[in-house]
């Protein structure tokens, strides 16, 4: 009777343990996390690194300097990767781990053109909804660049715990 209950419980856990909602690129080959957190937007001129860094520092709790500031100019539509299953979500690979990033769109004067985000889920990628009225002209990023430790998904931990419990019960039953 006990092995039947164990089998039923294991099957239940396998069926109902869902992974966290993660976004992927390259047909599921690369997990880019989830949408990054939008903080604020503004228009300011001229868009130079000093003004952009001042804008970032007034809207985030940390205080960065130009040594932590990286800017990518000449961004085109080909610079972004479409997220699997959602044509409105885009990802941009930084190649390192900034805490915040800033998009500048190329639009007419006096239109909001700077958009600040906090990079949360997978810090190597900027993941955002492409809701901009104009094309993105450049991206600026700030942060220490230190890698983060990936956090296991709840479903993975649940399955791992069920496996350990099963081994414990199996050993106890065979004593």
C-alpha atoms as a PDB file:
ATOM      1  CA  UNK A   1       0.000   0.000   0.000  1.00  0.00           C
ATOM      2  CA  UNK A   2       2.799   2.443   0.849  1.00  0.00           C
ATOM      3  CA  UNK A   3       4.559   2.231  -2.542  1.00  0.00           C
ATOM      4  CA  UNK A   4       1.260   3.116  -4.228  1.00  0.00           C
ATOM      5  CA  UNK A   5       0.887   6.252  -2.104  1.00  0.00           C
ATOM      6  CA  UNK A   6       4.489   7.209  -2.773  1.00  0.00           C
ATOM      7  CA  UNK A   7       3.939   6.785  -6.526  1.00  0.00           C
ATOM      8  CA  UNK A   8       0.754   8.860  -6.428  1.00  0.00           C
ATOM      9  CA  UNK A   9       2.407  11.636  -4.438  1.00  0.00           C
ATOM     10  CA  UNK A  10       5.415  11.689  -6.775  1.00  0.00           C
ATOM     11  CA  UNK A  11       3.153  11.792  -9.853  1.00  0.00           C
ATOM     12  CA  UNK A  12       1.122  14.622  -8.271  1.00  0.00           C
ATOM     13  CA  UNK A  13       4.287  16.638  -7.599  1.00  0.00           C
ATOM     14  CA  UNK A  14       5.568  16.111 -11.130  1.00  0.00           C
ATOM     15  CA  UNK A  15       2.280  17.173 -12.716  1.00  0.00           C
ATOM     16  CA  UNK A  16       1.569  20.195 -10.551  1.00  0.00           C
ATOM     17  CA  UNK A  17       5.025  21.593  -9.985  1.00  0.00           C
ATOM     18  CA  UNK A  18       5.342  24.339 -12.542  1.00  0.00           C
ATOM     19  CA  UNK A  19       8.477  26.248 -13.271  1.00  0.00           C
ATOM     20  CA  UNK A  20       8.637  29.974 -12.682  1.00  0.00           C
ATOM     21  CA  UNK A  21       7.507  32.078 -15.615  1.00  0.00           C
ATOM     22  CA  UNK A  22      10.753  32.514 -17.483  1.00  0.00           C
ATOM     23  CA  UNK A  23      11.303  34.065 -20.873  1.00  0.00           C
ATOM     24  CA  UNK A  24      13.657  32.423 -23.348  1.00  0.00           C
ATOM     25  CA  UNK A  25      15.392  33.195 -26.620  1.00  0.00           C
ATOM     26  CA  UNK A  26      16.876  30.951 -29.339  1.00  0.00           C
ATOM     27  CA  UNK A  27      13.973  28.455 -29.222  1.00  0.00           C
ATOM     28  CA  UNK A  28      14.270  27.924 -25.476  1.00  0.00           C
ATOM     29  CA  UNK A  29      18.052  27.505 -25.445  1.00  0.00           C
ATOM     30  CA  UNK A  30      18.731  30.632 -23.343  1.00  0.00           C
ATOM     31  CA  UNK A  31      16.748  31.758 -20.306  1.00  0.00           C
ATOM     32  CA  UNK A  32      16.662  35.562 -20.113  1.00  0.00           C
ATOM     33  CA  UNK A  33      14.540  35.740 -16.955  1.00  0.00           C
ATOM     34  CA  UNK A  34      11.505  37.996 -16.940  1.00  0.00           C
ATOM     35  CA  UNK A  35      10.679  41.573 -17.859  1.00  0.00           C
ATOM     36  CA  UNK A  36      12.951  44.119 -16.241  1.00  0.00           C
ATOM     37  CA  UNK A  37      11.451  46.755 -13.956  1.00  0.00           C
ATOM     38  CA  UNK A  38      10.593  50.097 -15.549  1.00  0.00           C
ATOM     39  CA  UNK A  39      11.563  52.959 -13.209  1.00  0.00           C
ATOM     40  CA  UNK A  40      10.908  56.268 -14.978  1.00  0.00           C
ATOM     41  CA  UNK A  41      11.154  58.185 -18.224  1.00  0.00           C
ATOM     42  CA  UNK A  42      11.993  61.756 -19.167  1.00  0.00           C
ATOM     43  CA  UNK A  43      13.108  64.134 -21.882  1.00  0.00           C
ATOM     44  CA  UNK A  44      16.370  65.973 -21.454  1.00  0.00           C
ATOM     45  CA  UNK A  45      18.887  67.575 -23.718  1.00  0.00           C
ATOM     46  CA  UNK A  46      21.663  67.243 -24.639  1.00  0.00           C
ATOM     47  CA  UNK A  47      21.869  63.434 -24.295  1.00  0.00           C
ATOM     48  CA  UNK A  48      25.489  63.086 -23.221  1.00  0.00           C
ATOM     49  CA  UNK A  49      26.952  60.594 -20.715  1.00  0.00           C
ATOM     50  CA  UNK A  50      27.150  63.171 -17.898  1.00  0.00           C
ATOM     51  CA  UNK A  51      23.469  64.148 -18.211  1.00  0.00           C
ATOM     52  CA  UNK A  52      22.386  60.518 -18.527  1.00  0.00           C
ATOM     53  CA  UNK A  53      24.402  59.506 -15.472  1.00  0.00           C
ATOM     54  CA  UNK A  54      22.930  62.424 -13.475  1.00  0.00           C
ATOM     55  CA  UNK A  55      19.428  61.280 -14.522  1.00  0.00           C
ATOM     56  CA  UNK A  56      20.187  57.718 -13.409  1.00  0.00           C
ATOM     57  CA  UNK A  57      21.664  58.837 -10.072  1.00  0.00           C
ATOM     58  CA  UNK A  58      18.605  60.966  -9.234  1.00  0.00           C
ATOM     59  CA  UNK A  59      16.293  57.982  -9.773  1.00  0.00           C
ATOM     60  CA  UNK A  60      18.146  55.073  -8.141  1.00  0.00           C
ATOM     61  CA  UNK A  61      19.359  54.553  -4.563  1.00  0.00           C
ATOM     62  CA  UNK A  62      22.986  53.870  -5.571  1.00  0.00           C
ATOM     63  CA  UNK A  63      25.364  56.567  -6.763  1.00  0.00           C
ATOM     64  CA  UNK A  64      27.387  55.754  -9.888  1.00  0.00           C
ATOM     65  CA  UNK A  65      30.223  57.561 -11.628  1.00  0.00           C
ATOM     66  CA  UNK A  66      31.438  57.525 -15.217  1.00  0.00           C
ATOM     67  CA  UNK A  67      33.752  54.560 -14.541  1.00  0.00           C
ATOM     68  CA  UNK A  68      30.664  52.327 -14.219  1.00  0.00           C
ATOM     69  CA  UNK A  69      28.947  53.855 -17.270  1.00  0.00           C
ATOM     70  CA  UNK A  70      28.931  52.024 -20.631  1.00  0.00           C
ATOM     71  CA  UNK A  71      27.154  53.335 -23.730  1.00  0.00           C
ATOM     72  CA  UNK A  72      26.230  51.461 -26.918  1.00  0.00           C
ATOM     73  CA  UNK A  73      25.638  53.840 -29.844  1.00  0.00           C
ATOM     74  CA  UNK A  74      24.252  52.982 -33.246  1.00  0.00           C
ATOM     75  CA  UNK A  75      21.687  50.509 -31.983  1.00  0.00           C
ATOM     76  CA  UNK A  76      19.559  49.016 -34.765  1.00  0.00           C
ATOM     77  CA  UNK A  77      16.619  46.615 -34.815  1.00  0.00           C
ATOM     78  CA  UNK A  78      19.125  43.807 -35.438  1.00  0.00           C
ATOM     79  CA  UNK A  79      20.757  44.513 -32.058  1.00  0.00           C
ATOM     80  CA  UNK A  80      17.771  43.011 -30.243  1.00  0.00           C
ATOM     81  CA  UNK A  81      16.623  39.418 -29.955  1.00  0.00           C
ATOM     82  CA  UNK A  82      12.899  38.605 -30.022  1.00  0.00           C
ATOM     83  CA  UNK A  83      11.781  36.657 -26.960  1.00  0.00           C
ATOM     84  CA  UNK A  84      10.287  33.252 -27.770  1.00  0.00           C
ATOM     85  CA  UNK A  85       6.486  33.215 -27.886  1.00  0.00           C
ATOM     86  CA  UNK A  86       6.033  36.990 -27.603  1.00  0.00           C
ATOM     87  CA  UNK A  87       6.760  39.262 -30.539  1.00  0.00           C
ATOM     88  CA  UNK A  88       6.432  42.378 -28.354  1.00  0.00           C
ATOM     89  CA  UNK A  89       9.236  41.421 -25.917  1.00  0.00           C
ATOM     90  CA  UNK A  90      12.854  42.065 -26.850  1.00  0.00           C
ATOM     91  CA  UNK A  91      16.166  41.146 -25.211  1.00  0.00           C
ATOM     92  CA  UNK A  92      19.559  42.825 -25.468  1.00  0.00           C
ATOM     93  CA  UNK A  93      22.727  40.985 -24.437  1.00  0.00           C
ATOM     94  CA  UNK A  94      25.004  43.267 -22.390  1.00  0.00           C
ATOM     95  CA  UNK A  95      27.732  40.652 -22.037  1.00  0.00           C
ATOM     96  CA  UNK A  96      28.150  41.676 -18.393  1.00  0.00           C
ATOM     97  CA  UNK A  97      25.902  42.442 -15.435  1.00  0.00           C
ATOM     98  CA  UNK A  98      24.776  46.086 -15.049  1.00  0.00           C
ATOM     99  CA  UNK A  99      22.250  46.965 -12.344  1.00  0.00           C
ATOM    100  CA  UNK A 100      20.417  49.616 -14.409  1.00  0.00           C
ATOM    101  CA  UNK A 101      20.074  50.496 -18.071  1.00  0.00           C
ATOM    102  CA  UNK A 102      18.747  53.473 -19.989  1.00  0.00           C
ATOM    103  CA  UNK A 103      17.239  53.501 -23.497  1.00  0.00           C
ATOM    104  CA  UNK A 104      17.236  56.601 -25.652  1.00  0.00           C
ATOM    105  CA  UNK A 105      14.835  56.748 -28.560  1.00  0.00           C
ATOM    106  CA  UNK A 106      15.224  58.979 -31.580  1.00  0.00           C
ATOM    107  CA  UNK A 107      12.126  61.156 -31.651  1.00  0.00           C
ATOM    108  CA  UNK A 108      11.161  64.786 -32.104  1.00  0.00           C
ATOM    109  CA  UNK A 109      12.264  67.460 -29.643  1.00  0.00           C
ATOM    110  CA  UNK A 110      10.374  67.762 -26.323  1.00  0.00           C
ATOM    111  CA  UNK A 111       9.087  64.166 -26.451  1.00  0.00           C
ATOM    112  CA  UNK A 112       9.990  61.730 -23.668  1.00  0.00           C
ATOM    113  CA  UNK A 113      12.991  59.900 -25.048  1.00  0.00           C
ATOM    114  CA  UNK A 114      14.912  58.381 -22.091  1.00  0.00           C
ATOM    115  CA  UNK A 115      13.592  55.243 -20.349  1.00  0.00           C
ATOM    116  CA  UNK A 116      15.257  53.901 -17.196  1.00  0.00           C
ATOM    117  CA  UNK A 117      14.999  50.232 -16.122  1.00  0.00           C
ATOM    118  CA  UNK A 118      16.301  48.106 -13.251  1.00  0.00           C
ATOM    119  CA  UNK A 119      17.879  44.922 -14.543  1.00  0.00           C
ATOM    120  CA  UNK A 120      16.398  42.174 -12.372  1.00  0.00           C
ATOM    121  CA  UNK A 121      15.900  38.593 -13.501  1.00  0.00           C
ATOM    122  CA  UNK A 122      18.938  37.676 -15.596  1.00  0.00           C
ATOM    123  CA  UNK A 123      21.339  40.556 -15.402  1.00  0.00           C
ATOM    124  CA  UNK A 124      23.212  39.726 -18.612  1.00  0.00           C
ATOM    125  CA  UNK A 125      20.096  40.597 -20.641  1.00  0.00           C
ATOM    126  CA  UNK A 126      17.869  43.642 -20.820  1.00  0.00           C
ATOM    127  CA  UNK A 127      14.322  42.316 -21.310  1.00  0.00           C
ATOM    128  CA  UNK A 128      11.576  44.811 -22.083  1.00  0.00           C
ATOM    129  CA  UNK A 129       8.310  45.278 -23.922  1.00  0.00           C
ATOM    130  CA  UNK A 130       8.806  47.113 -27.218  1.00  0.00           C
ATOM    131  CA  UNK A 131       6.228  49.836 -26.559  1.00  0.00           C
ATOM    132  CA  UNK A 132       8.378  52.707 -27.795  1.00  0.00           C
ATOM    133  CA  UNK A 133       6.933  55.078 -30.355  1.00  0.00           C
ATOM    134  CA  UNK A 134      10.348  55.616 -31.964  1.00  0.00           C
ATOM    135  CA  UNK A 135      13.372  53.392 -32.636  1.00  0.00           C
ATOM    136  CA  UNK A 136      15.965  52.980 -29.897  1.00  0.00           C
ATOM    137  CA  UNK A 137      19.114  54.913 -30.803  1.00  0.00           C
ATOM    138  CA  UNK A 138      21.387  53.917 -27.918  1.00  0.00           C
ATOM    139  CA  UNK A 139      21.572  52.061 -24.639  1.00  0.00           C
ATOM    140  CA  UNK A 140      23.520  53.112 -21.571  1.00  0.00           C
ATOM    141  CA  UNK A 141      24.179  50.819 -18.614  1.00  0.00           C
ATOM    142  CA  UNK A 142      25.593  51.330 -15.134  1.00  0.00           C
ATOM    143  CA  UNK A 143      26.605  48.929 -12.418  1.00  0.00           C
ATOM    144  CA  UNK A 144      29.389  46.984 -10.869  1.00  0.00           C
ATOM    145  CA  UNK A 145      29.242  44.172 -13.366  1.00  0.00           C
ATOM    146  CA  UNK A 146      29.554  41.542 -10.652  1.00  0.00           C
ATOM    147  CA  UNK A 147      27.733  38.325 -11.562  1.00  0.00           C
ATOM    148  CA  UNK A 148      24.731  37.214  -9.573  1.00  0.00           C
ATOM    149  CA  UNK A 149      24.019  33.750  -8.243  1.00  0.00           C
ATOM    150  CA  UNK A 150      21.078  32.089 -10.010  1.00  0.00           C
ATOM    151  CA  UNK A 151      18.132  31.288  -7.745  1.00  0.00           C
ATOM    152  CA  UNK A 152      16.569  27.833  -8.140  1.00  0.00           C
ATOM    153  CA  UNK A 153      12.957  27.741  -9.250  1.00  0.00           C
ATOM    154  CA  UNK A 154      10.347  26.672  -6.653  1.00  0.00           C
ATOM    155  CA  UNK A 155       9.311  23.642  -8.719  1.00  0.00           C
ATOM    156  CA  UNK A 156      12.909  22.431  -8.865  1.00  0.00           C
ATOM    157  CA  UNK A 157      13.273  22.700  -5.106  1.00  0.00           C
ATOM    158  CA  UNK A 158       9.975  20.862  -4.598  1.00  0.00           C
ATOM    159  CA  UNK A 159      11.067  17.982  -6.844  1.00  0.00           C
ATOM    160  CA  UNK A 160      14.467  17.823  -5.166  1.00  0.00           C
ATOM    161  CA  UNK A 161      12.811  17.694  -1.734  1.00  0.00           C
ATOM    162  CA  UNK A 162      10.402  14.975  -2.884  1.00  0.00           C
ATOM    163  CA  UNK A 163      13.340  12.921  -4.162  1.00  0.00           C
ATOM    164  CA  UNK A 164      15.217  13.250  -0.860  1.00  0.00           C
ATOM    165  CA  UNK A 165      12.078  12.340   1.086  1.00  0.00           C
ATOM    166  CA  UNK A 166      11.560   9.318  -1.177  1.00  0.00           C
ATOM    167  CA  UNK A 167      15.112   8.120  -0.600  1.00  0.00           C
ATOM    168  CA  UNK A 168      14.659   8.562   3.154  1.00  0.00           C
ATOM    169  CA  UNK A 169      11.403   6.582   3.151  1.00  0.00           C
ATOM    170  CA  UNK A 170      12.860   3.864   0.925  1.00  0.00           C
ATOM    171  CA  UNK A 171      15.860   3.417   3.237  1.00  0.00           C
ATOM    172  CA  UNK A 172      13.643   3.414   6.320  1.00  0.00           C
ATOM    173  CA  UNK A 173      11.312   0.799   4.795  1.00  0.00           C
ATOM    174  CA  UNK A 174      14.210  -1.550   3.913  1.00  0.00           C
ATOM    175  CA  UNK A 175      15.731  -1.573   7.408  1.00  0.00           C
END
